[in-house]
Amino acid sequence: MIYAYTKGAWIIQPYFQYTSVPTNASIGVAKGASTTGGAILISRAFKHGFSLPFRWEYISSSGNAAETLLI
């Protein structure tokens, strides 16, 4: 999900992402996992095509690849 807000020389874009991989032994996923993340991008435009951006991100996850492999 992304939202963009523009006012004058400013652009603000916050966004959020969620993913989920459920347990599915038939395809080798022994334990489900998920990720949650978000970010905000702020940009200020100046003269002559120059802009100054700033970006902050956060991400978290459950599970790891070693837990999800069935042999």
PDB file of N, CA and C in Angstrom:
ATOM      1  N   MET A   1       0.852  -1.146   0.000  1.00  0.00           N
ATOM      2  CA  MET A   1       0.000   0.000   0.000  1.00  0.00           C
ATOM      3  C   MET A   1       0.915   1.230   0.000  1.00  0.00           C
ATOM      4  N   ILE A   2       0.702   2.123  -0.939  1.00  0.00           N
ATOM      5  CA  ILE A   2       1.509   3.341  -1.059  1.00  0.00           C
ATOM      6  C   ILE A   2       0.575   4.542  -1.177  1.00  0.00           C
ATOM      7  N   TYR A   3       0.969   5.636  -0.546  1.00  0.00           N
ATOM      8  CA  TYR A   3       0.225   6.882  -0.638  1.00  0.00           C
ATOM      9  C   TYR A   3       1.218   7.973  -1.015  1.00  0.00           C
ATOM     10  N   ALA A   4       0.843   8.886  -1.863  1.00  0.00           N
ATOM     11  CA  ALA A   4       1.720   9.995  -2.242  1.00  0.00           C
ATOM     12  C   ALA A   4       1.016  11.326  -1.965  1.00  0.00           C
ATOM     13  N   TYR A   5       1.742  12.234  -1.327  1.00  0.00           N
ATOM     14  CA  TYR A   5       1.232  13.566  -1.028  1.00  0.00           C
ATOM     15  C   TYR A   5       2.237  14.565  -1.577  1.00  0.00           C
ATOM     16  N   THR A   6       1.750  15.520  -2.354  1.00  0.00           N
ATOM     17  CA  THR A   6       2.611  16.540  -2.935  1.00  0.00           C
ATOM     18  C   THR A   6       2.076  17.914  -2.569  1.00  0.00           C
ATOM     19  N   LYS A   7       2.977  18.779  -2.125  1.00  0.00           N
ATOM     20  CA  LYS A   7       2.606  20.165  -1.850  1.00  0.00           C
ATOM     21  C   LYS A   7       3.811  21.034  -2.176  1.00  0.00           C
ATOM     22  N   GLY A   8       3.649  21.838  -3.209  1.00  0.00           N
ATOM     23  CA  GLY A   8       4.758  22.689  -3.635  1.00  0.00           C
ATOM     24  C   GLY A   8       5.953  21.864  -4.058  1.00  0.00           C
ATOM     25  N   ALA A   9       7.103  22.108  -3.444  1.00  0.00           N
ATOM     26  CA  ALA A   9       8.340  21.404  -3.779  1.00  0.00           C
ATOM     27  C   ALA A   9       8.523  20.114  -2.976  1.00  0.00           C
ATOM     28  N   TRP A  10       7.554  19.775  -2.125  1.00  0.00           N
ATOM     29  CA  TRP A  10       7.664  18.593  -1.264  1.00  0.00           C
ATOM     30  C   TRP A  10       6.871  17.408  -1.809  1.00  0.00           C
ATOM     31  N   ILE A  11       7.442  16.221  -1.690  1.00  0.00           N
ATOM     32  CA  ILE A  11       6.748  14.964  -1.994  1.00  0.00           C
ATOM     33  C   ILE A  11       6.954  14.050  -0.786  1.00  0.00           C
ATOM     34  N   ILE A  12       5.861  13.529  -0.251  1.00  0.00           N
ATOM     35  CA  ILE A  12       5.916  12.615   0.889  1.00  0.00           C
ATOM     36  C   ILE A  12       5.208  11.332   0.486  1.00  0.00           C
ATOM     37  N   GLN A  13       5.917  10.197   0.611  1.00  0.00           N
ATOM     38  CA  GLN A  13       5.359   8.903   0.221  1.00  0.00           C
ATOM     39  C   GLN A  13       5.580   7.863   1.327  1.00  0.00           C
ATOM     40  N   PRO A  14       4.583   7.649   2.176  1.00  0.00           N
ATOM     41  CA  PRO A  14       4.694   6.543   3.130  1.00  0.00           C
ATOM     42  C   PRO A  14       4.155   5.265   2.494  1.00  0.00           C
ATOM     43  N   TYR A  15       4.731   4.135   2.856  1.00  0.00           N
ATOM     44  CA  TYR A  15       4.158   2.888   2.375  1.00  0.00           C
ATOM     45  C   TYR A  15       4.342   1.764   3.375  1.00  0.00           C
ATOM     46  N   PHE A  16       3.477   0.750   3.222  1.00  0.00           N
ATOM     47  CA  PHE A  16       3.404  -0.383   4.134  1.00  0.00           C
ATOM     48  C   PHE A  16       3.325  -1.669   3.313  1.00  0.00           C
ATOM     49  N   GLN A  17       3.985  -2.712   3.805  1.00  0.00           N
ATOM     50  CA  GLN A  17       3.957  -4.004   3.109  1.00  0.00           C
ATOM     51  C   GLN A  17       3.842  -5.131   4.130  1.00  0.00           C
ATOM     52  N   TYR A  18       3.009  -6.120   3.808  1.00  0.00           N
ATOM     53  CA  TYR A  18       2.870  -7.314   4.645  1.00  0.00           C
ATOM     54  C   TYR A  18       2.863  -8.534   3.742  1.00  0.00           C
ATOM     55  N   THR A  19       3.642  -9.554   4.085  1.00  0.00           N
ATOM     56  CA  THR A  19       3.616 -10.806   3.342  1.00  0.00           C
ATOM     57  C   THR A  19       3.453 -11.967   4.312  1.00  0.00           C
ATOM     58  N   SER A  20       2.821 -13.016   3.833  1.00  0.00           N
ATOM     59  CA  SER A  20       2.610 -14.199   4.654  1.00  0.00           C
ATOM     60  C   SER A  20       2.802 -15.442   3.795  1.00  0.00           C
ATOM     61  N   VAL A  21       3.608 -16.371   4.300  1.00  0.00           N
ATOM     62  CA  VAL A  21       3.809 -17.653   3.642  1.00  0.00           C
ATOM     63  C   VAL A  21       3.296 -18.713   4.610  1.00  0.00           C
ATOM     64  N   PRO A  22       2.160 -19.318   4.314  1.00  0.00           N
ATOM     65  CA  PRO A  22       1.592 -20.298   5.235  1.00  0.00           C
ATOM     66  C   PRO A  22       2.323 -21.639   5.164  1.00  0.00           C
ATOM     67  N   THR A  23       2.195 -22.404   6.227  1.00  0.00           N
ATOM     68  CA  THR A  23       2.731 -23.760   6.246  1.00  0.00           C
ATOM     69  C   THR A  23       2.060 -24.579   5.142  1.00  0.00           C
ATOM     70  N   ASN A  24       2.878 -25.311   4.360  1.00  0.00           N
ATOM     71  CA  ASN A  24       2.346 -26.161   3.297  1.00  0.00           C
ATOM     72  C   ASN A  24       3.355 -27.283   3.048  1.00  0.00           C
ATOM     73  N   ALA A  25       3.203 -28.386   3.772  1.00  0.00           N
ATOM     74  CA  ALA A  25       4.149 -29.497   3.679  1.00  0.00           C
ATOM     75  C   ALA A  25       4.229 -30.088   2.279  1.00  0.00           C
ATOM     76  N   SER A  26       3.166 -30.028   1.500  1.00  0.00           N
ATOM     77  CA  SER A  26       3.174 -30.628   0.160  1.00  0.00           C
ATOM     78  C   SER A  26       4.143 -29.934  -0.803  1.00  0.00           C
ATOM     79  N   ILE A  27       4.519 -28.699  -0.524  1.00  0.00           N
ATOM     80  CA  ILE A  27       5.500 -28.007  -1.372  1.00  0.00           C
ATOM     81  C   ILE A  27       6.809 -27.725  -0.628  1.00  0.00           C
ATOM     82  N   GLY A  28       6.938 -28.277   0.599  1.00  0.00           N
ATOM     83  CA  GLY A  28       8.196 -28.162   1.338  1.00  0.00           C
ATOM     84  C   GLY A  28       8.279 -27.037   2.344  1.00  0.00           C
ATOM     85  N   VAL A  29       7.176 -26.376   2.652  1.00  0.00           N
ATOM     86  CA  VAL A  29       7.189 -25.306   3.642  1.00  0.00           C
ATOM     87  C   VAL A  29       6.710 -25.896   4.970  1.00  0.00           C
ATOM     88  N   ALA A  30       7.686 -26.258   5.830  1.00  0.00           N
ATOM     89  CA  ALA A  30       7.368 -26.929   7.091  1.00  0.00           C
ATOM     90  C   ALA A  30       6.809 -25.969   8.129  1.00  0.00           C
ATOM     91  N   LYS A  31       7.191 -24.714   8.057  1.00  0.00           N
ATOM     92  CA  LYS A  31       6.729 -23.712   9.028  1.00  0.00           C
ATOM     93  C   LYS A  31       6.499 -22.399   8.300  1.00  0.00           C
ATOM     94  N   GLY A  32       5.334 -21.826   8.472  1.00  0.00           N
ATOM     95  CA  GLY A  32       5.018 -20.567   7.818  1.00  0.00           C
ATOM     96  C   GLY A  32       5.857 -19.424   8.355  1.00  0.00           C
ATOM     97  N   ALA A  33       5.864 -18.335   7.644  1.00  0.00           N
ATOM     98  CA  ALA A  33       6.611 -17.146   8.033  1.00  0.00           C
ATOM     99  C   ALA A  33       5.898 -15.910   7.505  1.00  0.00           C
ATOM    100  N   SER A  34       6.280 -14.761   8.025  1.00  0.00           N
ATOM    101  CA  SER A  34       5.689 -13.507   7.549  1.00  0.00           C
ATOM    102  C   SER A  34       6.696 -12.377   7.674  1.00  0.00           C
ATOM    103  N   THR A  35       6.445 -11.312   6.920  1.00  0.00           N
ATOM    104  CA  THR A  35       7.241 -10.095   7.031  1.00  0.00           C
ATOM    105  C   THR A  35       6.297  -8.904   7.109  1.00  0.00           C
ATOM    106  N   THR A  36       6.731  -7.907   7.820  1.00  0.00           N
ATOM    107  CA  THR A  36       6.012  -6.641   7.907  1.00  0.00           C
ATOM    108  C   THR A  36       7.036  -5.535   7.716  1.00  0.00           C
ATOM    109  N   GLY A  37       6.719  -4.581   6.894  1.00  0.00           N
ATOM    110  CA  GLY A  37       7.663  -3.501   6.656  1.00  0.00           C
ATOM    111  C   GLY A  37       6.959  -2.207   6.318  1.00  0.00           C
ATOM    112  N   GLY A  38       7.690  -1.147   6.438  1.00  0.00           N
ATOM    113  CA  GLY A  38       7.153   0.158   6.095  1.00  0.00           C
ATOM    114  C   GLY A  38       8.299   1.111   5.815  1.00  0.00           C
ATOM    115  N   ALA A  39       7.996   2.175   5.145  1.00  0.00           N
ATOM    116  CA  ALA A  39       9.008   3.177   4.827  1.00  0.00           C
ATOM    117  C   ALA A  39       8.327   4.513   4.588  1.00  0.00           C
ATOM    118  N   ILE A  40       9.131   5.547   4.646  1.00  0.00           N
ATOM    119  CA  ILE A  40       8.651   6.872   4.266  1.00  0.00           C
ATOM    120  C   ILE A  40       9.748   7.531   3.442  1.00  0.00           C
ATOM    121  N   LEU A  41       9.355   8.067   2.324  1.00  0.00           N
ATOM    122  CA  LEU A  41      10.266   8.779   1.435  1.00  0.00           C
ATOM    123  C   LEU A  41       9.812  10.228   1.388  1.00  0.00           C
ATOM    124  N   ILE A  42      10.732  11.117   1.705  1.00  0.00           N
ATOM    125  CA  ILE A  42      10.452  12.557   1.670  1.00  0.00           C
ATOM    126  C   ILE A  42      11.457  13.183   0.714  1.00  0.00           C
ATOM    127  N   SER A  43      10.964  13.987  -0.202  1.00  0.00           N
ATOM    128  CA  SER A  43      11.843  14.608  -1.180  1.00  0.00           C
ATOM    129  C   SER A  43      11.496  16.092  -1.308  1.00  0.00           C
ATOM    130  N   ARG A  44      12.524  16.911  -1.427  1.00  0.00           N
ATOM    131  CA  ARG A  44      12.357  18.352  -1.592  1.00  0.00           C
ATOM    132  C   ARG A  44      13.039  18.756  -2.886  1.00  0.00           C
ATOM    133  N   ALA A  45      12.294  19.350  -3.804  1.00  0.00           N
ATOM    134  CA  ALA A  45      12.841  19.794  -5.085  1.00  0.00           C
ATOM    135  C   ALA A  45      13.386  21.217  -4.965  1.00  0.00           C
ATOM    136  N   PHE A  46      14.504  21.439  -5.635  1.00  0.00           N
ATOM    137  CA  PHE A  46      15.124  22.763  -5.682  1.00  0.00           C
ATOM    138  C   PHE A  46      15.242  23.205  -7.138  1.00  0.00           C
ATOM    139  N   LYS A  47      15.837  24.337  -7.371  1.00  0.00           N
ATOM    140  CA  LYS A  47      16.004  24.857  -8.733  1.00  0.00           C
ATOM    141  C   LYS A  47      16.988  24.010  -9.528  1.00  0.00           C
ATOM    142  N   HIS A  48      16.912  24.118 -10.833  1.00  0.00           N
ATOM    143  CA  HIS A  48      17.833  23.473 -11.778  1.00  0.00           C
ATOM    144  C   HIS A  48      17.783  21.947 -11.720  1.00  0.00           C
ATOM    145  N   GLY A  49      16.640  21.357 -11.385  1.00  0.00           N
ATOM    146  CA  GLY A  49      16.487  19.909 -11.404  1.00  0.00           C
ATOM    147  C   GLY A  49      17.141  19.168 -10.247  1.00  0.00           C
ATOM    148  N   PHE A  50      17.548  19.856  -9.204  1.00  0.00           N
ATOM    149  CA  PHE A  50      18.182  19.222  -8.044  1.00  0.00           C
ATOM    150  C   PHE A  50      17.123  18.910  -6.995  1.00  0.00           C
ATOM    151  N   SER A  51      17.219  17.732  -6.377  1.00  0.00           N
ATOM    152  CA  SER A  51      16.309  17.404  -5.286  1.00  0.00           C
ATOM    153  C   SER A  51      17.094  16.702  -4.174  1.00  0.00           C
ATOM    154  N   LEU A  52      16.577  16.769  -2.984  1.00  0.00           N
ATOM    155  CA  LEU A  52      17.215  16.170  -1.818  1.00  0.00           C
ATOM    156  C   LEU A  52      16.227  15.197  -1.179  1.00  0.00           C
ATOM    157  N   PRO A  53      16.499  13.881  -1.291  1.00  0.00           N
ATOM    158  CA  PRO A  53      15.579  12.887  -0.731  1.00  0.00           C
ATOM    159  C   PRO A  53      16.037  12.391   0.635  1.00  0.00           C
ATOM    160  N   PHE A  54      15.103  11.866   1.396  1.00  0.00           N
ATOM    161  CA  PHE A  54      15.374  11.200   2.668  1.00  0.00           C
ATOM    162  C   PHE A  54      14.482   9.967   2.710  1.00  0.00           C
ATOM    163  N   ARG A  55      15.043   8.848   3.166  1.00  0.00           N
ATOM    164  CA  ARG A  55      14.266   7.615   3.231  1.00  0.00           C
ATOM    165  C   ARG A  55      14.547   6.916   4.557  1.00  0.00           C
ATOM    166  N   TRP A  56      13.473   6.459   5.219  1.00  0.00           N
ATOM    167  CA  TRP A  56      13.566   5.678   6.450  1.00  0.00           C
ATOM    168  C   TRP A  56      12.789   4.395   6.232  1.00  0.00           C
ATOM    169  N   GLU A  57      13.350   3.259   6.664  1.00  0.00           N
ATOM    170  CA  GLU A  57      12.689   1.962   6.487  1.00  0.00           C
ATOM    171  C   GLU A  57      12.706   1.160   7.772  1.00  0.00           C
ATOM    172  N   TYR A  58      11.726   0.279   7.870  1.00  0.00           N
ATOM    173  CA  TYR A  58      11.665  -0.685   8.968  1.00  0.00           C
ATOM    174  C   TYR A  58      11.134  -1.997   8.396  1.00  0.00           C
ATOM    175  N   ILE A  59      11.734  -3.116   8.792  1.00  0.00           N
ATOM    176  CA  ILE A  59      11.233  -4.414   8.372  1.00  0.00           C
ATOM    177  C   ILE A  59      11.452  -5.416   9.505  1.00  0.00           C
ATOM    178  N   SER A  60      10.498  -6.305   9.670  1.00  0.00           N
ATOM    179  CA  SER A  60      10.628  -7.383  10.642  1.00  0.00           C
ATOM    180  C   SER A  60      10.110  -8.664   9.997  1.00  0.00           C
ATOM    181  N   SER A  61      10.564  -9.795  10.520  1.00  0.00           N
ATOM    182  CA  SER A  61      10.129 -11.067   9.953  1.00  0.00           C
ATOM    183  C   SER A  61      10.036 -12.132  11.033  1.00  0.00           C
ATOM    184  N   SER A  62       9.256 -13.154  10.729  1.00  0.00           N
ATOM    185  CA  SER A  62       9.190 -14.328  11.591  1.00  0.00           C
ATOM    186  C   SER A  62       9.695 -15.512  10.784  1.00  0.00           C
ATOM    187  N   GLY A  63      10.353 -16.455  11.427  1.00  0.00           N
ATOM    188  CA  GLY A  63      10.856 -17.619  10.712  1.00  0.00           C
ATOM    189  C   GLY A  63      12.138 -17.310   9.972  1.00  0.00           C
ATOM    190  N   ASN A  64      12.735 -18.363   9.415  1.00  0.00           N
ATOM    191  CA  ASN A  64      13.913 -18.187   8.555  1.00  0.00           C
ATOM    192  C   ASN A  64      13.975 -19.353   7.580  1.00  0.00           C
ATOM    193  N   ALA A  65      14.833 -19.250   6.574  1.00  0.00           N
ATOM    194  CA  ALA A  65      14.888 -20.245   5.502  1.00  0.00           C
ATOM    195  C   ALA A  65      15.262 -21.631   6.038  1.00  0.00           C
ATOM    196  N   ALA A  66      16.090 -21.722   7.052  1.00  0.00           N
ATOM    197  CA  ALA A  66      16.513 -23.020   7.585  1.00  0.00           C
ATOM    198  C   ALA A  66      15.337 -23.770   8.217  1.00  0.00           C
ATOM    199  N   GLU A  67      14.361 -23.057   8.739  1.00  0.00           N
ATOM    200  CA  GLU A  67      13.206 -23.699   9.379  1.00  0.00           C
ATOM    201  C   GLU A  67      12.172 -24.182   8.368  1.00  0.00           C
ATOM    202  N   THR A  68      12.208 -23.678   7.156  1.00  0.00           N
ATOM    203  CA  THR A  68      11.110 -23.959   6.209  1.00  0.00           C
ATOM    204  C   THR A  68      11.414 -25.072   5.222  1.00  0.00           C
ATOM    205  N   LEU A  69      12.584 -25.671   5.259  1.00  0.00           N
ATOM    206  CA  LEU A  69      12.944 -26.689   4.279  1.00  0.00           C
ATOM    207  C   LEU A  69      12.642 -28.092   4.808  1.00  0.00           C
ATOM    208  N   LEU A  70      11.880 -28.845   4.045  1.00  0.00           N
ATOM    209  CA  LEU A  70      11.615 -30.248   4.373  1.00  0.00           C
ATOM    210  C   LEU A  70      12.489 -31.129   3.487  1.00  0.00           C
ATOM    211  N   ILE A  71      13.160 -32.080   4.070  1.00  0.00           N
ATOM    212  CA  ILE A  71      14.010 -32.998   3.290  1.00  0.00           C
ATOM    213  C   ILE A  71      13.507 -34.412   3.442  1.00  0.00           C
TER     214      ILE A  71
END
